Amino acid sequence: MDADAIVVGGGLSGLVSAARLAEAGTDVTLLERRPTVGGRVRSREVDGFTLDRGFQVLFTSYPAVARELDVDALDLRAFSPGATICRPGSRAVLSDPLREPTAVVESALNHEIPFSDKLRTLALRYDLSKRAEDEFFAGSGSDASIRDYLTDWGFSSDYVANFVEPFYGGITLDRSLSTSKAVFEYTFRAMSRGSIAVPAAGMAAIPEQLAERAADAGVEVRTGEDVERIDVGSGGRFRLGSGGPADGARVELADGGTLDAEAVVVATTPPEARTLTGVESIPESGVPNVTAWYALPEHSSFTTGRRILLNAADESPNAVVPISEVATEYAPRNRPLLAATFLGEAALERDADDLREDTREALSSWFPERGFESLETVAVDRIPFAQFVQPPGVHATLPDPDDPEGPVVLAGEYTEWSSIQGALESGRKAATAAHEYL
């Protein structure tokens, strides 16, 4: 055997699987086709700016974050609770009075949200606080869309349209609110228990920390290695017919090389995992996202109170994020850096100048006291598969880690739910499943 275990894919789930297996004494090789690990959680530098691969945040209260990461070492920069609801000539803060008492009066005077909805929000928060961790995505009972769930709770159409649509449009990439209510419930509770934040060095600090943990545990990380096929041993669906291992699995590389192992963890994207394992319950449909990064001139004054700006009047952009106000390290020379998010398939095809004009017009209408003619496009990230589609009932249909034939297990958010929590947790469970073959 070339290794006790081979992990295919160096995203968050693959890195956690590899680290946990190695920490248990397993000889592990991790194969990543890209030059660096991280999967969809990556950052890059453009003209001195730190740009994540699309706007991403870390929910600090996720249980898997506390289990798998050294949160203090990430040097997090937190957003203020809540958001600012924006429309032409109007900005209204909606915060969490329990987590940010200083914003109680401002939130109470918010004219976009009826007072009854503010009280109902506190009741919802209390109800969700009593739920057990394993109840949200258990797959039992009836599911519903976020929109239907909020209607059943009695929230007004103003609350849903002015706050939930743009805010959860940013979380689920689905402003229609057709996503499973389980995603809303879990993330709503997470925000009431902790912050949303970004590492000072960018979101890439998360996989970099996990890669260092894996290396310290003895994992051999090999980048630039593309896996074409996995052949399992006796009786397996992917047996080559001859030359395959009697037990364990053989990994075929794109360059013609092969590696044998007692167990293989497949931690690739959902489409790649489905191709490698043949597991048909791996979701194929993805939700797109476009994030455009903009800079203002050096020493420009632009403050929001470290809050996300929600577009209550239009869908383009869905929201604007004052990223360098939250994390000054993202921008050089005191230049404000903003991230604007755009939803839907049509956004993938739109010209960068059109996206900039939509953002400039929105900001100018929200902040009529200042101009945005100097708004400069730094980069545009077009991501066709940012999340897998999560309609009501989908979580009961997702694959288990040990669904593939032979000593092959799955690690990916698609075995849990689409989030950093799901990715980290799936890595832990995949390592446990792989131990059964070692």
Protein backbone atom coordinates (compact mmCIF):
# COMPACT_ATOMS: atom_id res chain seq x y z
CA MET A 1 0.00 0.00 0.00
CA ASP A 2 1.20 3.52 -0.82
CA ALA A 3 -0.73 4.88 2.18
CA ASP A 4 -3.21 3.66 4.75
CA ALA A 5 -5.65 6.29 3.52
CA ILE A 6 -5.84 8.60 0.53
CA VAL A 7 -7.93 11.76 0.65
CA VAL A 8 -8.96 13.11 -2.75
CA GLY A 9 -9.58 16.84 -2.49
CA GLY A 10 -8.06 19.56 -0.33
CA GLY A 11 -11.09 21.64 0.59
CA LEU A 12 -12.24 22.08 4.17
CA SER A 13 -13.80 18.63 4.44
CA GLY A 14 -10.79 16.87 2.94
CA LEU A 15 -8.34 18.72 5.18
CA VAL A 16 -10.34 17.86 8.31
CA SER A 17 -10.60 14.21 7.27
CA ALA A 18 -6.89 13.99 6.56
CA ALA A 19 -5.90 15.71 9.80
CA ARG A 20 -8.18 13.57 11.95
CA LEU A 21 -7.04 10.33 10.32
CA ALA A 22 -3.37 11.25 10.74
CA GLU A 23 -3.90 12.35 14.33
CA ALA A 24 -5.26 8.84 14.98
CA GLY A 25 -2.03 7.30 13.70
CA THR A 26 -3.01 6.68 10.07
CA ASP A 27 -0.54 7.15 7.19
CA VAL A 28 -2.40 9.66 4.98
CA THR A 29 -1.77 11.14 1.54
CA LEU A 30 -3.94 14.04 0.37
CA LEU A 31 -4.28 14.71 -3.36
CA GLU A 32 -5.41 18.15 -4.58
CA ARG A 33 -5.68 19.00 -8.28
CA ARG A 34 -5.19 22.75 -7.78
CA PRO A 35 -1.81 24.33 -6.91
CA THR A 36 -3.09 25.14 -3.41
CA VAL A 37 -5.57 23.66 -0.96
CA GLY A 38 -8.77 25.35 0.16
CA GLY A 39 -11.43 24.33 -2.34
CA ARG A 40 -14.07 27.04 -2.55
CA VAL A 41 -12.62 28.87 0.47
CA ARG A 42 -9.78 30.80 -1.12
CA SER A 43 -8.32 34.31 -1.14
CA ARG A 44 -6.01 36.16 -3.49
CA GLU A 45 -4.28 39.51 -3.65
CA VAL A 46 -5.16 41.99 -6.40
CA ASP A 47 -3.47 45.39 -6.45
CA GLY A 48 -2.81 45.11 -2.74
CA PHE A 49 -6.40 44.14 -1.85
CA THR A 50 -7.27 40.81 -0.25
CA LEU A 51 -10.18 39.29 -2.17
CA ASP A 52 -11.94 36.13 -1.07
CA ARG A 53 -13.47 33.85 -3.69
CA GLY A 54 -16.83 35.54 -3.48
CA PHE A 55 -18.14 37.13 -0.33
CA GLN A 56 -17.83 34.59 2.48
CA VAL A 57 -18.04 34.78 6.26
CA LEU A 58 -17.43 32.52 9.24
CA PHE A 59 -20.22 31.96 11.78
CA THR A 60 -18.27 31.84 15.02
CA SER A 61 -20.89 29.84 16.92
CA TYR A 62 -20.86 26.86 14.57
CA PRO A 63 -19.99 23.81 16.73
CA ALA A 64 -17.60 22.41 14.11
CA VAL A 65 -15.69 25.69 14.08
CA ALA A 66 -14.89 25.29 17.78
CA ARG A 67 -13.95 21.62 17.26
CA GLU A 68 -11.74 21.92 14.19
CA LEU A 69 -10.22 25.42 14.27
CA ASP A 70 -8.07 27.54 16.52
CA VAL A 71 -10.43 30.50 16.37
CA ASP A 72 -8.14 32.86 18.30
CA ALA A 73 -5.32 32.24 15.83
CA LEU A 74 -7.58 33.30 12.93
CA ASP A 75 -7.57 36.87 14.28
CA LEU A 76 -11.21 37.43 13.36
CA ARG A 77 -12.84 40.72 12.46
CA ALA A 78 -16.56 40.73 13.28
CA PHE A 79 -19.48 42.46 11.61
CA SER A 80 -21.96 44.34 13.76
CA PRO A 81 -25.12 42.30 14.43
CA GLY A 82 -28.01 42.73 12.04
CA ALA A 83 -27.88 44.87 8.93
CA THR A 84 -28.91 48.20 7.42
CA ILE A 85 -32.02 48.13 5.25
CA CYS A 86 -31.49 50.50 2.33
CA ARG A 87 -33.68 52.09 -0.29
CA PRO A 88 -33.39 55.41 -2.18
CA GLY A 89 -33.06 58.19 0.37
CA SER A 90 -33.38 55.87 3.34
CA ARG A 91 -31.19 53.72 5.61
CA ALA A 92 -32.67 51.89 8.61
CA VAL A 93 -30.65 49.79 11.07
CA LEU A 94 -32.05 46.48 12.29
CA SER A 95 -29.85 45.00 15.00
CA ASP A 96 -30.05 42.37 17.75
CA PRO A 97 -30.95 44.21 20.96
CA LEU A 98 -29.66 41.34 23.09
CA ARG A 99 -26.24 41.29 21.45
CA GLU A 100 -25.92 45.01 20.73
CA PRO A 101 -27.74 46.99 23.45
CA THR A 102 -26.36 50.28 22.13
CA ALA A 103 -28.47 49.86 18.97
CA VAL A 104 -31.75 49.22 20.80
CA VAL A 105 -33.21 52.68 20.16
CA GLU A 106 -32.06 52.82 16.54
CA SER A 107 -33.55 49.38 15.83
CA ALA A 108 -36.77 50.19 17.68
CA LEU A 109 -37.23 53.26 15.47
CA ASN A 110 -36.63 51.25 12.28
CA HIS A 111 -39.59 52.18 10.07
CA GLU A 112 -39.06 49.32 7.61
CA ILE A 113 -40.08 46.59 10.08
CA PRO A 114 -43.34 46.61 12.09
CA PHE A 115 -42.89 46.53 15.86
CA SER A 116 -44.88 43.28 16.07
CA ASP A 117 -42.28 41.60 13.85
CA LYS A 118 -39.50 42.75 16.16
CA LEU A 119 -41.28 41.06 19.07
CA ARG A 120 -41.96 37.99 16.95
CA THR A 121 -38.24 37.81 16.11
CA LEU A 122 -37.40 37.59 19.81
CA ALA A 123 -39.98 34.83 20.23
CA LEU A 124 -38.50 32.92 17.29
CA ARG A 125 -35.03 33.32 18.74
CA TYR A 126 -36.20 31.87 22.07
CA ASP A 127 -37.95 28.96 20.35
CA LEU A 128 -34.87 28.02 18.33
CA SER A 129 -32.57 28.34 21.34
CA LYS A 130 -34.32 25.34 22.92
CA ARG A 131 -33.75 23.06 19.92
CA ALA A 132 -31.19 20.26 20.11
CA GLU A 133 -28.26 20.44 17.69
CA ASP A 134 -29.23 17.27 15.85
CA GLU A 135 -32.86 18.29 15.25
CA PHE A 136 -32.43 20.86 12.50
CA PHE A 137 -31.33 18.61 9.64
CA ALA A 138 -32.60 15.30 11.02
CA GLY A 139 -34.80 14.69 7.99
CA SER A 140 -37.83 13.76 10.05
CA GLY A 141 -41.10 15.65 10.12
CA SER A 142 -42.36 18.10 7.54
CA ASP A 143 -40.12 20.62 5.83
CA ALA A 144 -41.11 23.88 4.19
CA SER A 145 -39.58 26.79 2.35
CA ILE A 146 -38.22 29.74 4.31
CA ARG A 147 -41.03 31.91 2.94
CA ASP A 148 -43.77 29.50 4.03
CA TYR A 149 -42.10 29.02 7.41
CA LEU A 150 -42.07 32.76 8.11
CA THR A 151 -45.68 33.07 6.96
CA ASP A 152 -46.68 30.31 9.40
CA TRP A 153 -44.90 32.23 12.14
CA GLY A 154 -47.00 35.27 11.29
CA PHE A 155 -44.29 37.60 10.04
CA SER A 156 -45.50 40.48 7.88
CA SER A 157 -44.79 40.84 4.19
CA ASP A 158 -42.75 43.98 4.98
CA TYR A 159 -40.41 42.02 7.27
CA VAL A 160 -39.96 39.30 4.68
CA ALA A 161 -39.47 41.63 1.70
CA ASN A 162 -37.36 44.34 3.33
CA PHE A 163 -35.10 42.24 5.53
CA VAL A 164 -35.28 38.48 5.02
CA GLU A 165 -35.23 38.44 1.22
CA PRO A 166 -31.96 40.40 0.82
CA PHE A 167 -30.34 39.11 4.02
CA TYR A 168 -31.02 35.45 3.34
CA GLY A 169 -30.48 36.07 -0.32
CA GLY A 170 -26.89 36.55 0.78
CA ILE A 171 -26.82 33.38 2.90
CA THR A 172 -28.73 30.96 0.66
CA LEU A 173 -28.13 32.83 -2.64
CA ASP A 174 -31.88 32.53 -3.10
CA ARG A 175 -33.87 35.73 -2.69
CA SER A 176 -37.08 33.84 -3.53
CA LEU A 177 -36.73 32.13 -0.11
CA SER A 178 -37.47 28.71 -1.62
CA THR A 179 -34.65 27.12 0.39
CA SER A 180 -35.41 24.65 3.18
CA LYS A 181 -36.47 26.23 6.47
CA ALA A 182 -33.80 24.13 8.22
CA VAL A 183 -31.11 26.42 6.79
CA PHE A 184 -32.92 29.48 8.09
CA GLU A 185 -33.49 27.99 11.54
CA TYR A 186 -29.91 26.83 12.00
CA THR A 187 -28.23 30.02 10.78
CA PHE A 188 -30.70 32.27 12.61
CA ARG A 189 -29.85 30.52 15.86
CA ALA A 190 -26.13 30.65 15.06
CA MET A 191 -26.28 34.43 14.59
CA SER A 192 -28.04 34.85 17.93
CA ARG A 193 -25.26 32.88 19.64
CA GLY A 194 -22.20 34.38 17.99
CA SER A 195 -20.84 36.69 15.33
CA ILE A 196 -20.26 36.57 11.61
CA ALA A 197 -16.66 37.44 10.89
CA VAL A 198 -13.71 37.16 8.53
CA PRO A 199 -10.07 36.42 9.38
CA ALA A 200 -7.80 39.46 9.18
CA ALA A 201 -5.74 37.68 6.50
CA GLY A 202 -8.76 36.61 4.45
CA MET A 203 -10.91 33.49 4.39
CA ALA A 204 -7.96 31.48 3.04
CA ALA A 205 -6.57 31.58 6.59
CA ILE A 206 -9.09 28.84 7.45
CA PRO A 207 -7.84 26.14 5.04
CA GLU A 208 -4.27 27.29 5.61
CA GLN A 209 -4.67 26.59 9.32
CA LEU A 210 -6.23 23.19 8.59
CA ALA A 211 -3.43 22.35 6.13
CA GLU A 212 -0.84 23.21 8.78
CA ARG A 213 -2.67 21.00 11.28
CA ALA A 214 -2.72 18.15 8.76
CA ALA A 215 0.99 18.57 7.97
CA ASP A 216 1.87 18.62 11.67
CA ALA A 217 -0.01 15.33 12.04
CA GLY A 218 2.07 13.81 9.24
CA VAL A 219 -0.23 14.12 6.21
CA GLU A 220 1.58 14.16 2.87
CA VAL A 221 -0.11 16.91 0.85
CA ARG A 222 0.39 16.60 -2.91
CA THR A 223 -0.99 19.46 -5.02
CA GLY A 224 -1.36 19.44 -8.78
CA GLU A 225 -2.59 15.83 -8.66
CA ASP A 226 -5.75 15.17 -10.68
CA VAL A 227 -7.62 11.93 -9.91
CA GLU A 228 -9.42 10.28 -12.81
CA ARG A 229 -10.74 7.05 -11.31
CA ILE A 230 -11.06 5.02 -8.14
CA ASP A 231 -11.00 1.22 -8.36
CA VAL A 232 -12.12 -0.72 -5.30
CA GLY A 233 -11.19 -4.28 -4.37
CA SER A 234 -13.05 -7.55 -4.57
CA GLY A 235 -16.64 -7.20 -5.67
CA GLY A 236 -16.50 -3.43 -6.00
CA ARG A 237 -18.42 -1.54 -8.67
CA PHE A 238 -15.29 0.15 -10.00
CA ARG A 239 -12.99 -2.89 -10.17
CA LEU A 240 -10.80 -2.65 -13.25
CA GLY A 241 -11.01 -6.37 -13.92
CA SER A 242 -7.31 -7.05 -13.43
CA GLY A 243 -4.45 -5.44 -11.64
CA GLY A 244 -6.64 -3.87 -8.98
CA PRO A 245 -5.94 -4.45 -5.30
CA ALA A 246 -7.55 -7.51 -3.72
CA ASP A 247 -8.50 -5.33 -0.77
CA GLY A 248 -8.53 -1.61 -0.38
CA ALA A 249 -8.68 0.75 -3.33
CA ARG A 250 -6.57 2.00 -6.19
CA VAL A 251 -6.53 5.65 -7.23
CA GLU A 252 -5.71 6.38 -10.88
CA LEU A 253 -4.10 9.75 -11.56
CA ALA A 254 -4.43 11.82 -14.72
CA ASP A 255 -0.72 11.41 -15.44
CA GLY A 256 -1.10 7.62 -15.55
CA GLY A 257 0.24 6.91 -12.08
CA THR A 258 -1.60 4.88 -9.46
CA LEU A 259 -1.74 4.83 -5.67
CA ASP A 260 -3.09 2.05 -3.45
CA ALA A 261 -4.66 2.49 -0.03
CA GLU A 262 -6.79 0.65 2.48
CA ALA A 263 -9.38 3.43 2.33
CA VAL A 264 -10.12 6.45 0.15
CA VAL A 265 -11.94 9.61 1.22
CA VAL A 266 -13.53 11.46 -1.70
CA ALA A 267 -13.66 15.14 -0.75
CA THR A 268 -14.12 16.77 -4.15
CA THR A 269 -16.90 18.98 -5.52
CA PRO A 270 -20.31 17.28 -5.79
CA PRO A 271 -20.13 16.72 -9.58
CA GLU A 272 -16.62 15.24 -9.30
CA ALA A 273 -17.59 13.07 -6.35
CA ARG A 274 -20.57 11.71 -8.24
CA THR A 275 -18.35 10.83 -11.19
CA LEU A 276 -15.71 9.15 -9.03
CA THR A 277 -18.08 7.13 -6.85
CA GLY A 278 -21.28 6.66 -8.84
CA VAL A 279 -23.40 7.68 -5.83
CA GLU A 280 -26.51 9.11 -7.47
CA SER A 281 -27.82 10.86 -4.35
CA ILE A 282 -24.95 13.37 -4.50
CA PRO A 283 -26.64 16.62 -5.60
CA GLU A 284 -25.77 17.88 -9.07
CA SER A 285 -27.61 21.22 -9.21
CA GLY A 286 -25.78 24.28 -7.99
CA VAL A 287 -26.72 27.83 -7.08
CA PRO A 288 -24.62 30.58 -8.75
CA ASN A 289 -23.24 33.74 -7.26
CA VAL A 290 -21.41 36.80 -8.52
CA THR A 291 -19.36 39.00 -6.20
CA ALA A 292 -17.94 42.25 -7.54
CA TRP A 293 -15.17 43.96 -5.58
CA TYR A 294 -14.95 47.76 -5.63
CA ALA A 295 -12.56 50.35 -4.24
CA LEU A 296 -13.01 54.00 -3.40
CA PRO A 297 -10.19 56.56 -3.63
CA GLU A 298 -7.50 56.66 -0.97
CA HIS A 299 -8.57 58.26 2.32
CA SER A 300 -12.24 58.28 1.29
CA SER A 301 -14.60 58.37 4.23
CA PHE A 302 -17.24 55.64 4.04
CA THR A 303 -18.72 54.18 7.21
CA THR A 304 -21.71 51.91 7.82
CA GLY A 305 -21.19 50.87 11.44
CA ARG A 306 -19.67 47.61 10.13
CA ARG A 307 -23.04 46.44 8.84
CA ILE A 308 -24.08 44.76 5.62
CA LEU A 309 -26.19 47.06 3.41
CA LEU A 310 -29.32 45.27 2.20
CA ASN A 311 -31.02 46.38 -1.00
CA ALA A 312 -34.72 46.55 -0.09
CA ALA A 313 -35.73 48.30 -3.31
CA ASP A 314 -34.09 46.17 -5.98
CA GLU A 315 -32.30 42.86 -6.49
CA SER A 316 -29.20 44.24 -8.22
CA PRO A 317 -27.05 44.28 -6.22
CA ASN A 318 -28.60 42.11 -3.53
CA ALA A 319 -26.33 43.62 -0.88
CA VAL A 320 -23.18 45.69 -0.48
CA VAL A 321 -20.61 44.72 2.14
CA PRO A 322 -18.18 47.25 3.69
CA ILE A 323 -15.45 44.64 3.92
CA SER A 324 -12.49 46.91 4.72
CA GLU A 325 -14.47 48.74 7.40
CA VAL A 326 -14.84 45.37 9.13
CA ALA A 327 -11.31 44.15 8.34
CA THR A 328 -8.96 47.03 7.52
CA GLU A 329 -6.29 44.48 6.56
CA TYR A 330 -8.21 43.69 3.34
CA ALA A 331 -7.36 47.05 1.77
CA PRO A 332 -4.14 49.04 1.27
CA ARG A 333 -3.45 52.74 1.65
CA ASN A 334 -6.70 53.53 3.48
CA ARG A 335 -8.77 52.74 0.40
CA PRO A 336 -12.29 51.48 1.24
CA LEU A 337 -13.02 48.04 -0.25
CA LEU A 338 -16.63 47.01 -0.89
CA ALA A 339 -18.13 43.72 -2.05
CA ALA A 340 -21.43 43.71 -3.96
CA THR A 341 -23.31 40.45 -4.41
CA PHE A 342 -25.53 39.55 -7.37
CA LEU A 343 -27.82 36.53 -7.51
CA GLY A 344 -29.15 34.26 -10.25
CA GLU A 345 -27.94 32.76 -13.50
CA ALA A 346 -28.33 36.03 -15.41
CA ALA A 347 -25.73 37.72 -13.21
CA LEU A 348 -23.06 35.30 -14.47
CA GLU A 349 -23.37 36.78 -17.97
CA ARG A 350 -23.56 40.45 -17.08
CA ASP A 351 -20.79 42.83 -18.07
CA ALA A 352 -18.57 44.15 -15.26
CA ASP A 353 -19.40 47.74 -16.22
CA ASP A 354 -23.12 47.03 -15.88
CA LEU A 355 -22.60 45.52 -12.45
CA ARG A 356 -20.57 48.54 -11.40
CA GLU A 357 -23.24 50.94 -12.62
CA ASP A 358 -25.95 49.09 -10.67
CA THR A 359 -23.80 49.25 -7.54
CA ARG A 360 -22.91 52.91 -8.04
CA GLU A 361 -26.56 53.87 -8.56
CA ALA A 362 -27.65 51.93 -5.47
CA LEU A 363 -24.97 53.46 -3.24
CA SER A 364 -25.67 56.95 -4.56
CA SER A 365 -29.35 56.57 -3.77
CA TRP A 366 -28.67 55.20 -0.27
CA PHE A 367 -26.04 57.82 0.54
CA PRO A 368 -27.20 60.94 -1.35
CA GLU A 369 -24.88 63.06 0.78
CA ARG A 370 -21.84 61.76 -1.10
CA GLY A 371 -20.88 60.69 -4.60
CA PHE A 372 -19.69 57.36 -5.96
CA GLU A 373 -18.51 58.31 -9.44
CA SER A 374 -15.00 57.22 -8.48
CA LEU A 375 -16.10 53.67 -7.62
CA GLU A 376 -13.46 51.41 -9.20
CA THR A 377 -13.90 47.76 -10.12
CA VAL A 378 -11.08 45.68 -8.60
CA ALA A 379 -12.30 42.23 -9.68
CA VAL A 380 -15.43 40.20 -10.40
CA ASP A 381 -15.89 36.61 -9.17
CA ARG A 382 -18.39 34.56 -11.19
CA ILE A 383 -19.12 31.29 -9.40
CA PRO A 384 -21.55 28.94 -11.22
CA PHE A 385 -21.67 26.41 -8.33
CA ALA A 386 -21.43 28.35 -5.06
CA GLN A 387 -23.79 26.04 -3.13
CA PHE A 388 -25.81 22.96 -3.92
CA VAL A 389 -29.56 23.55 -4.26
CA GLN A 390 -31.39 23.04 -0.95
CA PRO A 391 -35.17 22.91 -1.48
CA PRO A 392 -37.46 21.63 1.28
CA GLY A 393 -36.88 17.95 1.97
CA VAL A 394 -33.47 17.75 0.30
CA HIS A 395 -31.49 17.07 3.46
CA ALA A 396 -33.31 13.78 4.01
CA THR A 397 -32.12 12.61 0.58
CA LEU A 398 -28.41 13.42 0.89
CA PRO A 399 -25.87 10.59 0.87
CA ASP A 400 -24.23 9.11 3.93
CA PRO A 401 -20.41 9.08 4.08
CA ASP A 402 -20.27 5.30 3.60
CA ASP A 403 -22.66 5.10 0.61
CA PRO A 404 -19.98 4.34 -2.03
CA GLU A 405 -19.03 0.75 -2.83
CA GLY A 406 -15.93 -0.66 -1.16
CA PRO A 407 -13.57 1.18 1.20
CA VAL A 408 -14.51 4.60 -0.16
CA VAL A 409 -16.23 7.30 1.90
CA LEU A 410 -17.62 10.73 1.08
CA ALA A 411 -16.57 14.01 2.68
CA GLY A 412 -18.32 17.18 1.60
CA GLU A 413 -20.97 19.61 2.70
CA TYR A 414 -23.41 17.74 0.44
CA THR A 415 -23.56 15.00 3.11
CA GLU A 416 -24.74 17.62 5.65
CA TRP A 417 -25.87 21.03 4.38
CA SER A 418 -24.24 23.79 2.36
CA SER A 419 -22.06 25.76 4.77
CA ILE A 420 -18.67 25.85 6.45
CA GLN A 421 -20.32 24.01 9.35
CA GLY A 422 -21.45 21.30 6.94
CA ALA A 423 -18.01 20.99 5.33
CA LEU A 424 -16.12 20.75 8.62
CA GLU A 425 -18.60 18.33 10.16
CA SER A 426 -18.60 16.11 7.08
CA GLY A 427 -14.82 15.85 7.31
CA ARG A 428 -15.06 14.62 10.88
CA LYS A 429 -17.69 12.02 10.02
CA ALA A 430 -15.78 10.85 6.95
CA ALA A 431 -12.68 10.21 9.05
CA THR A 432 -14.76 8.11 11.45
CA ALA A 433 -16.23 6.13 8.55
CA ALA A 434 -12.81 5.59 6.95
CA HIS A 435 -11.47 4.11 10.19
CA GLU A 436 -13.79 1.14 9.66
CA TYR A 437 -11.67 0.05 6.69
CA LEU A 438 -8.25 0.49 8.32
